[in-house]
Amino acid sequence: MGDNDGQVPLPDLNGADAPPLVDVGYNEEEQTSRVAADLEAVFDVPVQVSAVLGRSKMDVGELLKLGPGAVLELDRRVGEAIDIYVNNRLVARGEVVLVEDKLGVTMTEIIKAERS
C-alpha cells in the first residue's frame, strides 16, 4: 500500500471551483417560536419568585419588641442591587421600581447557574 491509498482530495473552498454558498434560510423568529413550543409543557408549572431587599439577624426577644413604625436595619445600602430568587435559587439581581402605586422589580443582571 502506498502513502496516498484511501485518501480523497479535498476541494479548494477559496478557489474558482468552490461550490456556491447556499442560504439555509435561518429565521430567528421561527427559531424562537420553535423553542417556545418545546417549552409549552412547562408553562403551567408554578414557581416561587422572591425579591430579597436585605437580611437582618436578631434574637427572638428583639423581634417581639418590634411594633408598628419600627425600623429594621438590613445588610444592604440604598441603591444596592437586590437578589431575585426562583425556587430558592439565585437567578438574577435587580432594582426596585414603582409601577403606578405598586412596587415592582426590574432585572438588571441574570446569574448563570453552574451545573454540577
PDB file of N, CA and C in Angstrom:
ATOM      1  N   MET A   1       0.834  -1.177   0.000  1.00  0.00           N
ATOM      2  CA  MET A   1       0.000   0.000   0.000  1.00  0.00           C
ATOM      3  C   MET A   1       0.872   1.231   0.000  1.00  0.00           C
ATOM      4  N   GLY A   2       0.423   2.254  -0.733  1.00  0.00           N
ATOM      5  CA  GLY A   2       1.178   3.493  -0.811  1.00  0.00           C
ATOM      6  C   GLY A   2       0.715   4.478   0.248  1.00  0.00           C
ATOM      7  N   ASP A   3       1.425   5.604   0.344  1.00  0.00           N
ATOM      8  CA  ASP A   3       1.093   6.632   1.323  1.00  0.00           C
ATOM      9  C   ASP A   3      -0.222   7.331   1.010  1.00  0.00           C
ATOM     10  N   ASN A   4      -0.647   7.373  -0.247  1.00  0.00           N
ATOM     11  CA  ASN A   4      -1.849   8.094  -0.647  1.00  0.00           C
ATOM     12  C   ASN A   4      -3.071   7.201  -0.809  1.00  0.00           C
ATOM     13  N   ASP A   5      -2.948   5.905  -0.473  1.00  0.00           N
ATOM     14  CA  ASP A   5      -4.078   4.997  -0.627  1.00  0.00           C
ATOM     15  C   ASP A   5      -5.191   5.367   0.355  1.00  0.00           C
ATOM     16  N   GLY A   6      -6.434   5.425  -0.129  1.00  0.00           N
ATOM     17  CA  GLY A   6      -7.582   5.678   0.715  1.00  0.00           C
ATOM     18  C   GLY A   6      -7.804   7.154   1.022  1.00  0.00           C
ATOM     19  N   GLN A   7      -6.996   8.043   0.464  1.00  0.00           N
ATOM     20  CA  GLN A   7      -7.168   9.464   0.712  1.00  0.00           C
ATOM     21  C   GLN A   7      -7.946  10.092  -0.429  1.00  0.00           C
ATOM     22  N   VAL A   8      -8.891  10.948  -0.090  1.00  0.00           N
ATOM     23  CA  VAL A   8      -9.694  11.639  -1.082  1.00  0.00           C
ATOM     24  C   VAL A   8      -9.256  13.095  -1.097  1.00  0.00           C
ATOM     25  N   PRO A   9      -8.966  13.654  -2.276  1.00  0.00           N
ATOM     26  CA  PRO A   9      -8.551  15.056  -2.319  1.00  0.00           C
ATOM     27  C   PRO A   9      -9.725  15.972  -1.950  1.00  0.00           C
ATOM     28  N   LEU A  10      -9.463  16.989  -1.121  1.00  0.00           N
ATOM     29  CA  LEU A  10     -10.487  17.946  -0.712  1.00  0.00           C
ATOM     30  C   LEU A  10     -10.520  19.116  -1.682  1.00  0.00           C
ATOM     31  N   PRO A  11     -11.709  19.648  -1.968  1.00  0.00           N
ATOM     32  CA  PRO A  11     -11.790  20.789  -2.885  1.00  0.00           C
ATOM     33  C   PRO A  11     -11.240  22.045  -2.215  1.00  0.00           C
ATOM     34  N   ASP A  12     -10.725  22.952  -3.034  1.00  0.00           N
ATOM     35  CA  ASP A  12     -10.247  24.240  -2.540  1.00  0.00           C
ATOM     36  C   ASP A  12     -11.458  25.152  -2.422  1.00  0.00           C
ATOM     37  N   LEU A  13     -11.917  25.411  -1.183  1.00  0.00           N
ATOM     38  CA  LEU A  13     -13.134  26.190  -0.972  1.00  0.00           C
ATOM     39  C   LEU A  13     -12.950  27.669  -1.268  1.00  0.00           C
ATOM     40  N   ASN A  14     -11.702  28.100  -1.406  1.00  0.00           N
ATOM     41  CA  ASN A  14     -11.436  29.500  -1.752  1.00  0.00           C
ATOM     42  C   ASN A  14     -11.194  29.686  -3.236  1.00  0.00           C
ATOM     43  N   GLY A  15     -11.118  28.618  -3.966  1.00  0.00           N
ATOM     44  CA  GLY A  15     -10.789  28.692  -5.384  1.00  0.00           C
ATOM     45  C   GLY A  15     -12.001  28.971  -6.252  1.00  0.00           C
ATOM     46  N   ALA A  16     -11.748  29.042  -7.561  1.00  0.00           N
ATOM     47  CA  ALA A  16     -12.806  29.345  -8.528  1.00  0.00           C
ATOM     48  C   ALA A  16     -13.794  28.200  -8.655  1.00  0.00           C
ATOM     49  N   ASP A  17     -13.345  26.971  -8.369  1.00  0.00           N
ATOM     50  CA  ASP A  17     -14.234  25.818  -8.496  1.00  0.00           C
ATOM     51  C   ASP A  17     -14.989  25.514  -7.208  1.00  0.00           C
ATOM     52  N   ALA A  18     -14.965  26.435  -6.248  1.00  0.00           N
ATOM     53  CA  ALA A  18     -15.652  26.229  -4.976  1.00  0.00           C
ATOM     54  C   ALA A  18     -17.158  26.213  -5.194  1.00  0.00           C
ATOM     55  N   PRO A  19     -17.880  25.358  -4.456  1.00  0.00           N
ATOM     56  CA  PRO A  19     -19.335  25.323  -4.607  1.00  0.00           C
ATOM     57  C   PRO A  19     -19.936  26.639  -4.104  1.00  0.00           C
ATOM     58  N   PRO A  20     -21.061  27.061  -4.690  1.00  0.00           N
ATOM     59  CA  PRO A  20     -21.679  28.315  -4.256  1.00  0.00           C
ATOM     60  C   PRO A  20     -22.231  28.176  -2.842  1.00  0.00           C
ATOM     61  N   LEU A  21     -22.206  29.292  -2.104  1.00  0.00           N
ATOM     62  CA  LEU A  21     -22.766  29.294  -0.762  1.00  0.00           C
ATOM     63  C   LEU A  21     -24.274  29.215  -0.858  1.00  0.00           C
ATOM     64  N   VAL A  22     -24.854  28.431   0.008  1.00  0.00           N
ATOM     65  CA  VAL A  22     -26.301  28.238  -0.005  1.00  0.00           C
ATOM     66  C   VAL A  22     -26.889  28.948   1.206  1.00  0.00           C
ATOM     67  N   ASP A  23     -27.892  29.773   0.989  1.00  0.00           N
ATOM     68  CA  ASP A  23     -28.596  30.434   2.087  1.00  0.00           C
ATOM     69  C   ASP A  23     -29.562  29.421   2.678  1.00  0.00           C
ATOM     70  N   VAL A  24     -29.304  29.015   3.928  1.00  0.00           N
ATOM     71  CA  VAL A  24     -30.135  27.988   4.555  1.00  0.00           C
ATOM     72  C   VAL A  24     -31.433  28.563   5.080  1.00  0.00           C
ATOM     73  N   GLY A  25     -31.618  29.862   4.972  1.00  0.00           N
ATOM     74  CA  GLY A  25     -32.881  30.478   5.364  1.00  0.00           C
ATOM     75  C   GLY A  25     -33.100  30.495   6.860  1.00  0.00           C
ATOM     76  N   TYR A  26     -32.076  30.763   7.639  1.00  0.00           N
ATOM     77  CA  TYR A  26     -32.208  30.837   9.092  1.00  0.00           C
ATOM     78  C   TYR A  26     -33.138  31.978   9.438  1.00  0.00           C
ATOM     79  N   ASN A  27     -34.180  31.673  10.156  1.00  0.00           N
ATOM     80  CA  ASN A  27     -35.172  32.667  10.534  1.00  0.00           C
ATOM     81  C   ASN A  27     -35.236  32.700  12.052  1.00  0.00           C
ATOM     82  N   GLU A  28     -34.773  33.813  12.650  1.00  0.00           N
ATOM     83  CA  GLU A  28     -34.713  33.911  14.110  1.00  0.00           C
ATOM     84  C   GLU A  28     -36.099  33.819  14.734  1.00  0.00           C
ATOM     85  N   GLU A  29     -37.091  34.415  14.101  1.00  0.00           N
ATOM     86  CA  GLU A  29     -38.453  34.376  14.635  1.00  0.00           C
ATOM     87  C   GLU A  29     -38.985  32.943  14.646  1.00  0.00           C
ATOM     88  N   GLU A  30     -38.706  32.204  13.577  1.00  0.00           N
ATOM     89  CA  GLU A  30     -39.148  30.812  13.502  1.00  0.00           C
ATOM     90  C   GLU A  30     -38.455  29.973  14.573  1.00  0.00           C
ATOM     91  N   GLN A  31     -37.163  30.226  14.786  1.00  0.00           N
ATOM     92  CA  GLN A  31     -36.413  29.504  15.810  1.00  0.00           C
ATOM     93  C   GLN A  31     -36.986  29.791  17.196  1.00  0.00           C
ATOM     94  N   THR A  32     -37.312  31.056  17.476  1.00  0.00           N
ATOM     95  CA  THR A  32     -37.862  31.434  18.775  1.00  0.00           C
ATOM     96  C   THR A  32     -39.205  30.759  19.021  1.00  0.00           C
ATOM     97  N   SER A  33     -40.071  30.728  18.010  1.00  0.00           N
ATOM     98  CA  SER A  33     -41.378  30.097  18.191  1.00  0.00           C
ATOM     99  C   SER A  33     -41.232  28.584  18.370  1.00  0.00           C
ATOM    100  N   ARG A  34     -40.230  27.998  17.744  1.00  0.00           N
ATOM    101  CA  ARG A  34     -39.991  26.563  17.905  1.00  0.00           C
ATOM    102  C   ARG A  34     -39.542  26.267  19.333  1.00  0.00           C
ATOM    103  N   VAL A  35     -38.667  27.107  19.894  1.00  0.00           N
ATOM    104  CA  VAL A  35     -38.207  26.920  21.270  1.00  0.00           C
ATOM    105  C   VAL A  35     -39.379  27.105  22.230  1.00  0.00           C
ATOM    106  N   ALA A  36     -40.216  28.125  22.004  1.00  0.00           N
ATOM    107  CA  ALA A  36     -41.384  28.359  22.852  1.00  0.00           C
ATOM    108  C   ALA A  36     -42.327  27.154  22.807  1.00  0.00           C
ATOM    109  N   ALA A  37     -42.515  26.575  21.642  1.00  0.00           N
ATOM    110  CA  ALA A  37     -43.384  25.402  21.515  1.00  0.00           C
ATOM    111  C   ALA A  37     -42.802  24.219  22.290  1.00  0.00           C
ATOM    112  N   ASP A  38     -41.480  24.082  22.278  1.00  0.00           N
ATOM    113  CA  ASP A  38     -40.842  22.990  23.018  1.00  0.00           C
ATOM    114  C   ASP A  38     -41.038  23.147  24.522  1.00  0.00           C
ATOM    115  N   LEU A  39     -41.130  24.382  25.002  1.00  0.00           N
ATOM    116  CA  LEU A  39     -41.275  24.655  26.431  1.00  0.00           C
ATOM    117  C   LEU A  39     -42.727  24.711  26.886  1.00  0.00           C
ATOM    118  N   GLU A  40     -43.650  24.612  25.977  1.00  0.00           N
ATOM    119  CA  GLU A  40     -45.069  24.767  26.304  1.00  0.00           C
ATOM    120  C   GLU A  40     -45.528  23.819  27.412  1.00  0.00           C
ATOM    121  N   ALA A  41     -44.924  22.662  27.512  1.00  0.00           N
ATOM    122  CA  ALA A  41     -45.332  21.684  28.517  1.00  0.00           C
ATOM    123  C   ALA A  41     -45.076  22.170  29.939  1.00  0.00           C
ATOM    124  N   VAL A  42     -44.154  23.100  30.124  1.00  0.00           N
ATOM    125  CA  VAL A  42     -43.834  23.563  31.478  1.00  0.00           C
ATOM    126  C   VAL A  42     -44.404  24.945  31.783  1.00  0.00           C
ATOM    127  N   PHE A  43     -45.171  25.525  30.880  1.00  0.00           N
ATOM    128  CA  PHE A  43     -45.716  26.866  31.087  1.00  0.00           C
ATOM    129  C   PHE A  43     -46.601  26.956  32.327  1.00  0.00           C
ATOM    130  N   ASP A  44     -47.281  25.890  32.707  1.00  0.00           N
ATOM    131  CA  ASP A  44     -48.206  25.914  33.842  1.00  0.00           C
ATOM    132  C   ASP A  44     -47.577  25.426  35.142  1.00  0.00           C
ATOM    133  N   VAL A  45     -46.273  25.171  35.153  1.00  0.00           N
ATOM    134  CA  VAL A  45     -45.608  24.711  36.370  1.00  0.00           C
ATOM    135  C   VAL A  45     -45.400  25.918  37.292  1.00  0.00           C
ATOM    136  N   PRO A  46     -45.944  25.867  38.516  1.00  0.00           N
ATOM    137  CA  PRO A  46     -45.790  27.013  39.424  1.00  0.00           C
ATOM    138  C   PRO A  46     -44.369  27.092  39.988  1.00  0.00           C
ATOM    139  N   VAL A  47     -43.870  28.312  40.124  1.00  0.00           N
ATOM    140  CA  VAL A  47     -42.579  28.557  40.740  1.00  0.00           C
ATOM    141  C   VAL A  47     -42.736  29.675  41.772  1.00  0.00           C
ATOM    142  N   GLN A  48     -41.888  29.686  42.774  1.00  0.00           N
ATOM    143  CA  GLN A  48     -41.911  30.732  43.783  1.00  0.00           C
ATOM    144  C   GLN A  48     -40.817  31.735  43.447  1.00  0.00           C
ATOM    145  N   VAL A  49     -41.202  33.008  43.279  1.00  0.00           N
ATOM    146  CA  VAL A  49     -40.254  34.071  42.976  1.00  0.00           C
ATOM    147  C   VAL A  49     -40.163  34.985  44.197  1.00  0.00           C
ATOM    148  N   SER A  50     -38.939  35.245  44.653  1.00  0.00           N
ATOM    149  CA  SER A  50     -38.707  36.117  45.803  1.00  0.00           C
ATOM    150  C   SER A  50     -37.721  37.200  45.425  1.00  0.00           C
ATOM    151  N   ALA A  51     -38.013  38.427  45.835  1.00  0.00           N
ATOM    152  CA  ALA A  51     -37.090  39.539  45.663  1.00  0.00           C
ATOM    153  C   ALA A  51     -36.636  39.950  47.058  1.00  0.00           C
ATOM    154  N   VAL A  52     -35.368  39.752  47.358  1.00  0.00           N
ATOM    155  CA  VAL A  52     -34.850  39.974  48.706  1.00  0.00           C
ATOM    156  C   VAL A  52     -34.174  41.341  48.772  1.00  0.00           C
ATOM    157  N   LEU A  53     -34.776  42.229  49.560  1.00  0.00           N
ATOM    158  CA  LEU A  53     -34.225  43.579  49.738  1.00  0.00           C
ATOM    159  C   LEU A  53     -32.989  43.556  50.618  1.00  0.00           C
ATOM    160  N   GLY A  54     -32.960  42.661  51.577  1.00  0.00           N
ATOM    161  CA  GLY A  54     -31.848  42.563  52.508  1.00  0.00           C
ATOM    162  C   GLY A  54     -32.187  41.586  53.606  1.00  0.00           C
ATOM    163  N   ARG A  55     -31.241  41.385  54.510  1.00  0.00           N
ATOM    164  CA  ARG A  55     -31.439  40.440  55.604  1.00  0.00           C
ATOM    165  C   ARG A  55     -30.987  41.089  56.907  1.00  0.00           C
ATOM    166  N   SER A  56     -31.495  40.533  57.998  1.00  0.00           N
ATOM    167  CA  SER A  56     -31.116  41.004  59.325  1.00  0.00           C
ATOM    168  C   SER A  56     -31.239  39.838  60.297  1.00  0.00           C
ATOM    169  N   LYS A  57     -30.350  39.787  61.291  1.00  0.00           N
ATOM    170  CA  LYS A  57     -30.421  38.750  62.316  1.00  0.00           C
ATOM    171  C   LYS A  57     -30.709  39.415  63.646  1.00  0.00           C
ATOM    172  N   MET A  58     -31.554  38.783  64.441  1.00  0.00           N
ATOM    173  CA  MET A  58     -31.857  39.286  65.776  1.00  0.00           C
ATOM    174  C   MET A  58     -32.358  38.152  66.646  1.00  0.00           C
ATOM    175  N   ASP A  59     -32.310  38.395  67.937  1.00  0.00           N
ATOM    176  CA  ASP A  59     -32.830  37.422  68.893  1.00  0.00           C
ATOM    177  C   ASP A  59     -34.357  37.507  68.909  1.00  0.00           C
ATOM    178  N   VAL A  60     -34.994  36.452  69.368  1.00  0.00           N
ATOM    179  CA  VAL A  60     -36.455  36.425  69.445  1.00  0.00           C
ATOM    180  C   VAL A  60     -36.955  37.552  70.339  1.00  0.00           C
ATOM    181  N   GLY A  61     -36.238  37.854  71.413  1.00  0.00           N
ATOM    182  CA  GLY A  61     -36.633  38.935  72.307  1.00  0.00           C
ATOM    183  C   GLY A  61     -36.693  40.280  71.586  1.00  0.00           C
ATOM    184  N   GLU A  62     -35.679  40.537  70.722  1.00  0.00           N
ATOM    185  CA  GLU A  62     -35.669  41.777  69.935  1.00  0.00           C
ATOM    186  C   GLU A  62     -36.827  41.796  68.944  1.00  0.00           C
ATOM    187  N   LEU A  63     -37.098  40.660  68.345  1.00  0.00           N
ATOM    188  CA  LEU A  63     -38.190  40.550  67.369  1.00  0.00           C
ATOM    189  C   LEU A  63     -39.532  40.861  68.020  1.00  0.00           C
ATOM    190  N   LEU A  64     -39.729  40.363  69.224  1.00  0.00           N
ATOM    191  CA  LEU A  64     -41.004  40.585  69.931  1.00  0.00           C
ATOM    192  C   LEU A  64     -41.199  42.043  70.334  1.00  0.00           C
ATOM    193  N   LYS A  65     -40.108  42.799  70.458  1.00  0.00           N
ATOM    194  CA  LYS A  65     -40.194  44.215  70.820  1.00  0.00           C
ATOM    195  C   LYS A  65     -40.554  45.103  69.632  1.00  0.00           C
ATOM    196  N   LEU A  66     -40.477  44.561  68.409  1.00  0.00           N
ATOM    197  CA  LEU A  66     -40.801  45.353  67.221  1.00  0.00           C
ATOM    198  C   LEU A  66     -42.293  45.644  67.183  1.00  0.00           C
ATOM    199  N   GLY A  67     -42.641  46.811  66.750  1.00  0.00           N
ATOM    200  CA  GLY A  67     -44.042  47.186  66.629  1.00  0.00           C
ATOM    201  C   GLY A  67     -44.229  48.073  65.413  1.00  0.00           C
ATOM    202  N   PRO A  68     -45.437  48.578  65.214  1.00  0.00           N
ATOM    203  CA  PRO A  68     -45.692  49.469  64.073  1.00  0.00           C
ATOM    204  C   PRO A  68     -44.758  50.678  64.112  1.00  0.00           C
ATOM    205  N   GLY A  69     -44.163  50.986  62.975  1.00  0.00           N
ATOM    206  CA  GLY A  69     -43.259  52.123  62.874  1.00  0.00           C
ATOM    207  C   GLY A  69     -41.821  51.806  63.215  1.00  0.00           C
ATOM    208  N   ALA A  70     -41.538  50.574  63.670  1.00  0.00           N
ATOM    209  CA  ALA A  70     -40.162  50.199  63.988  1.00  0.00           C
ATOM    210  C   ALA A  70     -39.347  50.110  62.703  1.00  0.00           C
ATOM    211  N   VAL A  71     -38.090  50.482  62.811  1.00  0.00           N
ATOM    212  CA  VAL A  71     -37.190  50.422  61.653  1.00  0.00           C
ATOM    213  C   VAL A  71     -36.274  49.227  61.828  1.00  0.00           C
ATOM    214  N   LEU A  72     -36.236  48.403  60.821  1.00  0.00           N
ATOM    215  CA  LEU A  72     -35.405  47.204  60.836  1.00  0.00           C
ATOM    216  C   LEU A  72     -34.218  47.440  59.908  1.00  0.00           C
ATOM    217  N   GLU A  73     -33.013  47.430  60.450  1.00  0.00           N
ATOM    218  CA  GLU A  73     -31.816  47.681  59.645  1.00  0.00           C
ATOM    219  C   GLU A  73     -31.449  46.417  58.867  1.00  0.00           C
ATOM    220  N   LEU A  74     -31.258  46.580  57.571  1.00  0.00           N
ATOM    221  CA  LEU A  74     -30.902  45.462  56.700  1.00  0.00           C
ATOM    222  C   LEU A  74     -29.419  45.526  56.348  1.00  0.00           C
ATOM    223  N   ASP A  75     -28.911  44.454  55.755  1.00  0.00           N
ATOM    224  CA  ASP A  75     -27.494  44.378  55.405  1.00  0.00           C
ATOM    225  C   ASP A  75     -27.178  44.974  54.031  1.00  0.00           C
ATOM    226  N   ARG A  76     -28.064  45.764  53.471  1.00  0.00           N
ATOM    227  CA  ARG A  76     -27.848  46.386  52.156  1.00  0.00           C
ATOM    228  C   ARG A  76     -27.889  47.893  52.279  1.00  0.00           C
ATOM    229  N   ARG A  77     -27.286  48.560  51.317  1.00  0.00           N
ATOM    230  CA  ARG A  77     -27.306  50.016  51.260  1.00  0.00           C
ATOM    231  C   ARG A  77     -28.358  50.472  50.266  1.00  0.00           C
ATOM    232  N   VAL A  78     -28.788  51.706  50.402  1.00  0.00           N
ATOM    233  CA  VAL A  78     -29.753  52.288  49.461  1.00  0.00           C
ATOM    234  C   VAL A  78     -29.129  52.275  48.067  1.00  0.00           C
ATOM    235  N   GLY A  79     -29.886  51.832  47.079  1.00  0.00           N
ATOM    236  CA  GLY A  79     -29.403  51.794  45.699  1.00  0.00           C
ATOM    237  C   GLY A  79     -28.663  50.530  45.329  1.00  0.00           C
ATOM    238  N   GLU A  80     -28.349  49.694  46.304  1.00  0.00           N
ATOM    239  CA  GLU A  80     -27.643  48.439  46.025  1.00  0.00           C
ATOM    240  C   GLU A  80     -28.628  47.445  45.392  1.00  0.00           C
ATOM    241  N   ALA A  81     -28.130  46.617  44.495  1.00  0.00           N
ATOM    242  CA  ALA A  81     -28.977  45.648  43.800  1.00  0.00           C
ATOM    243  C   ALA A  81     -29.604  44.669  44.792  1.00  0.00           C
ATOM    244  N   ILE A  82     -30.827  44.243  44.486  1.00  0.00           N
ATOM    245  CA  ILE A  82     -31.494  43.230  45.298  1.00  0.00           C
ATOM    246  C   ILE A  82     -31.343  41.871  44.621  1.00  0.00           C
ATOM    247  N   ASP A  83     -31.494  40.821  45.394  1.00  0.00           N
ATOM    248  CA  ASP A  83     -31.380  39.460  44.863  1.00  0.00           C
ATOM    249  C   ASP A  83     -32.753  38.940  44.479  1.00  0.00           C
ATOM    250  N   ILE A  84     -32.823  38.257  43.335  1.00  0.00           N
ATOM    251  CA  ILE A  84     -34.072  37.665  42.861  1.00  0.00           C
ATOM    252  C   ILE A  84     -33.874  36.154  42.825  1.00  0.00           C
ATOM    253  N   TYR A  85     -34.719  35.468  43.561  1.00  0.00           N
ATOM    254  CA  TYR A  85     -34.635  34.012  43.667  1.00  0.00           C
ATOM    255  C   TYR A  85     -35.844  33.372  42.997  1.00  0.00           C
ATOM    256  N   VAL A  86     -35.627  32.236  42.350  1.00  0.00           N
ATOM    257  CA  VAL A  86     -36.710  31.404  41.836  1.00  0.00           C
ATOM    258  C   VAL A  86     -36.526  30.034  42.477  1.00  0.00           C
ATOM    259  N   ASN A  87     -37.543  29.605  43.220  1.00  0.00           N
ATOM    260  CA  ASN A  87     -37.465  28.339  43.971  1.00  0.00           C
ATOM    261  C   ASN A  87     -36.195  28.269  44.814  1.00  0.00           C
ATOM    262  N   ASN A  88     -35.920  29.345  45.545  1.00  0.00           N
ATOM    263  CA  ASN A  88     -34.782  29.437  46.457  1.00  0.00           C
ATOM    264  C   ASN A  88     -33.425  29.353  45.777  1.00  0.00           C
ATOM    265  N   ARG A  89     -33.368  29.603  44.479  1.00  0.00           N
ATOM    266  CA  ARG A  89     -32.095  29.628  43.750  1.00  0.00           C
ATOM    267  C   ARG A  89     -31.901  31.030  43.193  1.00  0.00           C
ATOM    268  N   LEU A  90     -30.745  31.634  43.468  1.00  0.00           N
ATOM    269  CA  LEU A  90     -30.438  32.971  42.978  1.00  0.00           C
ATOM    270  C   LEU A  90     -30.341  32.929  41.458  1.00  0.00           C
ATOM    271  N   VAL A  91     -31.196  33.711  40.775  1.00  0.00           N
ATOM    272  CA  VAL A  91     -31.193  33.710  39.316  1.00  0.00           C
ATOM    273  C   VAL A  91     -30.889  35.074  38.713  1.00  0.00           C
ATOM    274  N   ALA A  92     -31.060  36.149  39.508  1.00  0.00           N
ATOM    275  CA  ALA A  92     -30.854  37.479  38.948  1.00  0.00           C
ATOM    276  C   ALA A  92     -30.646  38.499  40.058  1.00  0.00           C
ATOM    277  N   ARG A  93     -30.210  39.680  39.645  1.00  0.00           N
ATOM    278  CA  ARG A  93     -30.150  40.843  40.528  1.00  0.00           C
ATOM    279  C   ARG A  93     -30.950  41.935  39.851  1.00  0.00           C
ATOM    280  N   GLY A  94     -31.491  42.844  40.660  1.00  0.00           N
ATOM    281  CA  GLY A  94     -32.326  43.876  40.071  1.00  0.00           C
ATOM    282  C   GLY A  94     -32.478  45.091  40.941  1.00  0.00           C
ATOM    283  N   GLU A  95     -33.400  45.942  40.526  1.00  0.00           N
ATOM    284  CA  GLU A  95     -33.689  47.184  41.230  1.00  0.00           C
ATOM    285  C   GLU A  95     -35.176  47.263  41.519  1.00  0.00           C
ATOM    286  N   VAL A  96     -35.510  47.906  42.620  1.00  0.00           N
ATOM    287  CA  VAL A  96     -36.909  48.135  42.965  1.00  0.00           C
ATOM    288  C   VAL A  96     -37.411  49.310  42.126  1.00  0.00           C
ATOM    289  N   VAL A  97     -38.606  49.148  41.549  1.00  0.00           N
ATOM    290  CA  VAL A  97     -39.218  50.210  40.749  1.00  0.00           C
ATOM    291  C   VAL A  97     -40.646  50.432  41.234  1.00  0.00           C
ATOM    292  N   LEU A  98     -41.169  51.603  40.944  1.00  0.00           N
ATOM    293  CA  LEU A  98     -42.547  51.932  41.284  1.00  0.00           C
ATOM    294  C   LEU A  98     -43.361  51.884  39.999  1.00  0.00           C
ATOM    295  N   VAL A  99     -44.378  51.025  39.963  1.00  0.00           N
ATOM    296  CA  VAL A  99     -45.255  50.881  38.808  1.00  0.00           C
ATOM    297  C   VAL A  99     -46.651  51.288  39.263  1.00  0.00           C
ATOM    298  N   GLU A 100     -47.096  52.456  38.786  1.00  0.00           N
ATOM    299  CA  GLU A 100     -48.330  53.073  39.261  1.00  0.00           C
ATOM    300  C   GLU A 100     -48.230  53.219  40.772  1.00  0.00           C
ATOM    301  N   ASP A 101     -49.028  52.521  41.560  1.00  0.00           N
ATOM    302  CA  ASP A 101     -48.937  52.655  43.017  1.00  0.00           C
ATOM    303  C   ASP A 101     -48.408  51.376  43.676  1.00  0.00           C
ATOM    304  N   LYS A 102     -47.732  50.516  42.894  1.00  0.00           N
ATOM    305  CA  LYS A 102     -47.220  49.247  43.429  1.00  0.00           C
ATOM    306  C   LYS A 102     -45.714  49.161  43.212  1.00  0.00           C
ATOM    307  N   LEU A 103     -45.069  48.411  44.098  1.00  0.00           N
ATOM    308  CA  LEU A 103     -43.641  48.159  43.935  1.00  0.00           C
ATOM    309  C   LEU A 103     -43.435  47.001  42.978  1.00  0.00           C
ATOM    310  N   GLY A 104     -42.370  47.079  42.216  1.00  0.00           N
ATOM    311  CA  GLY A 104     -42.005  46.010  41.301  1.00  0.00           C
ATOM    312  C   GLY A 104     -40.499  45.853  41.293  1.00  0.00           C
ATOM    313  N   VAL A 105     -40.014  44.927  40.502  1.00  0.00           N
ATOM    314  CA  VAL A 105     -38.588  44.671  40.385  1.00  0.00           C
ATOM    315  C   VAL A 105     -38.233  44.581  38.912  1.00  0.00           C
ATOM    316  N   THR A 106     -37.173  45.243  38.527  1.00  0.00           N
ATOM    317  CA  THR A 106     -36.655  45.099  37.177  1.00  0.00           C
ATOM    318  C   THR A 106     -35.317  44.376  37.259  1.00  0.00           C
ATOM    319  N   MET A 107     -35.120  43.368  36.415  1.00  0.00           N
ATOM    320  CA  MET A 107     -33.880  42.600  36.432  1.00  0.00           C
ATOM    321  C   MET A 107     -32.802  43.367  35.684  1.00  0.00           C
ATOM    322  N   THR A 108     -31.646  43.508  36.317  1.00  0.00           N
ATOM    323  CA  THR A 108     -30.525  44.197  35.692  1.00  0.00           C
ATOM    324  C   THR A 108     -29.384  43.252  35.357  1.00  0.00           C
ATOM    325  N   GLU A 109     -29.392  42.066  35.959  1.00  0.00           N
ATOM    326  CA  GLU A 109     -28.313  41.101  35.736  1.00  0.00           C
ATOM    327  C   GLU A 109     -28.866  39.694  35.919  1.00  0.00           C
ATOM    328  N   ILE A 110     -28.629  38.826  34.961  1.00  0.00           N
ATOM    329  CA  ILE A 110     -29.013  37.423  35.059  1.00  0.00           C
ATOM    330  C   ILE A 110     -27.798  36.638  35.567  1.00  0.00           C
ATOM    331  N   ILE A 111     -28.022  35.812  36.570  1.00  0.00           N
ATOM    332  CA  ILE A 111     -26.950  34.999  37.145  1.00  0.00           C
ATOM    333  C   ILE A 111     -26.968  33.638  36.467  1.00  0.00           C
ATOM    334  N   LYS A 112     -25.877  33.280  35.826  1.00  0.00           N
ATOM    335  CA  LYS A 112     -25.800  31.973  35.173  1.00  0.00           C
ATOM    336  C   LYS A 112     -25.447  30.917  36.198  1.00  0.00           C
ATOM    337  N   ALA A 113     -26.312  29.916  36.305  1.00  0.00           N
ATOM    338  CA  ALA A 113     -26.092  28.831  37.271  1.00  0.00           C
ATOM    339  C   ALA A 113     -25.050  27.871  36.736  1.00  0.00           C
ATOM    340  N   GLU A 114     -24.182  27.431  37.618  1.00  0.00           N
ATOM    341  CA  GLU A 114     -23.193  26.435  37.240  1.00  0.00           C
ATOM    342  C   GLU A 114     -23.772  25.061  37.509  1.00  0.00           C
ATOM    343  N   ARG A 115     -23.817  24.228  36.493  1.00  0.00           N
ATOM    344  CA  ARG A 115     -24.351  22.867  36.638  1.00  0.00           C
ATOM    345  C   ARG A 115     -23.297  21.977  37.257  1.00  0.00           C
ATOM    346  N   SER A 116     -23.717  21.136  38.188  1.00  0.00           N
ATOM    347  CA  SER A 116     -22.752  20.237  38.828  1.00  0.00           C
ATOM    348  C   SER A 116     -22.938  18.825  38.366  1.00  0.00           C
TER     349      SER A 116
END
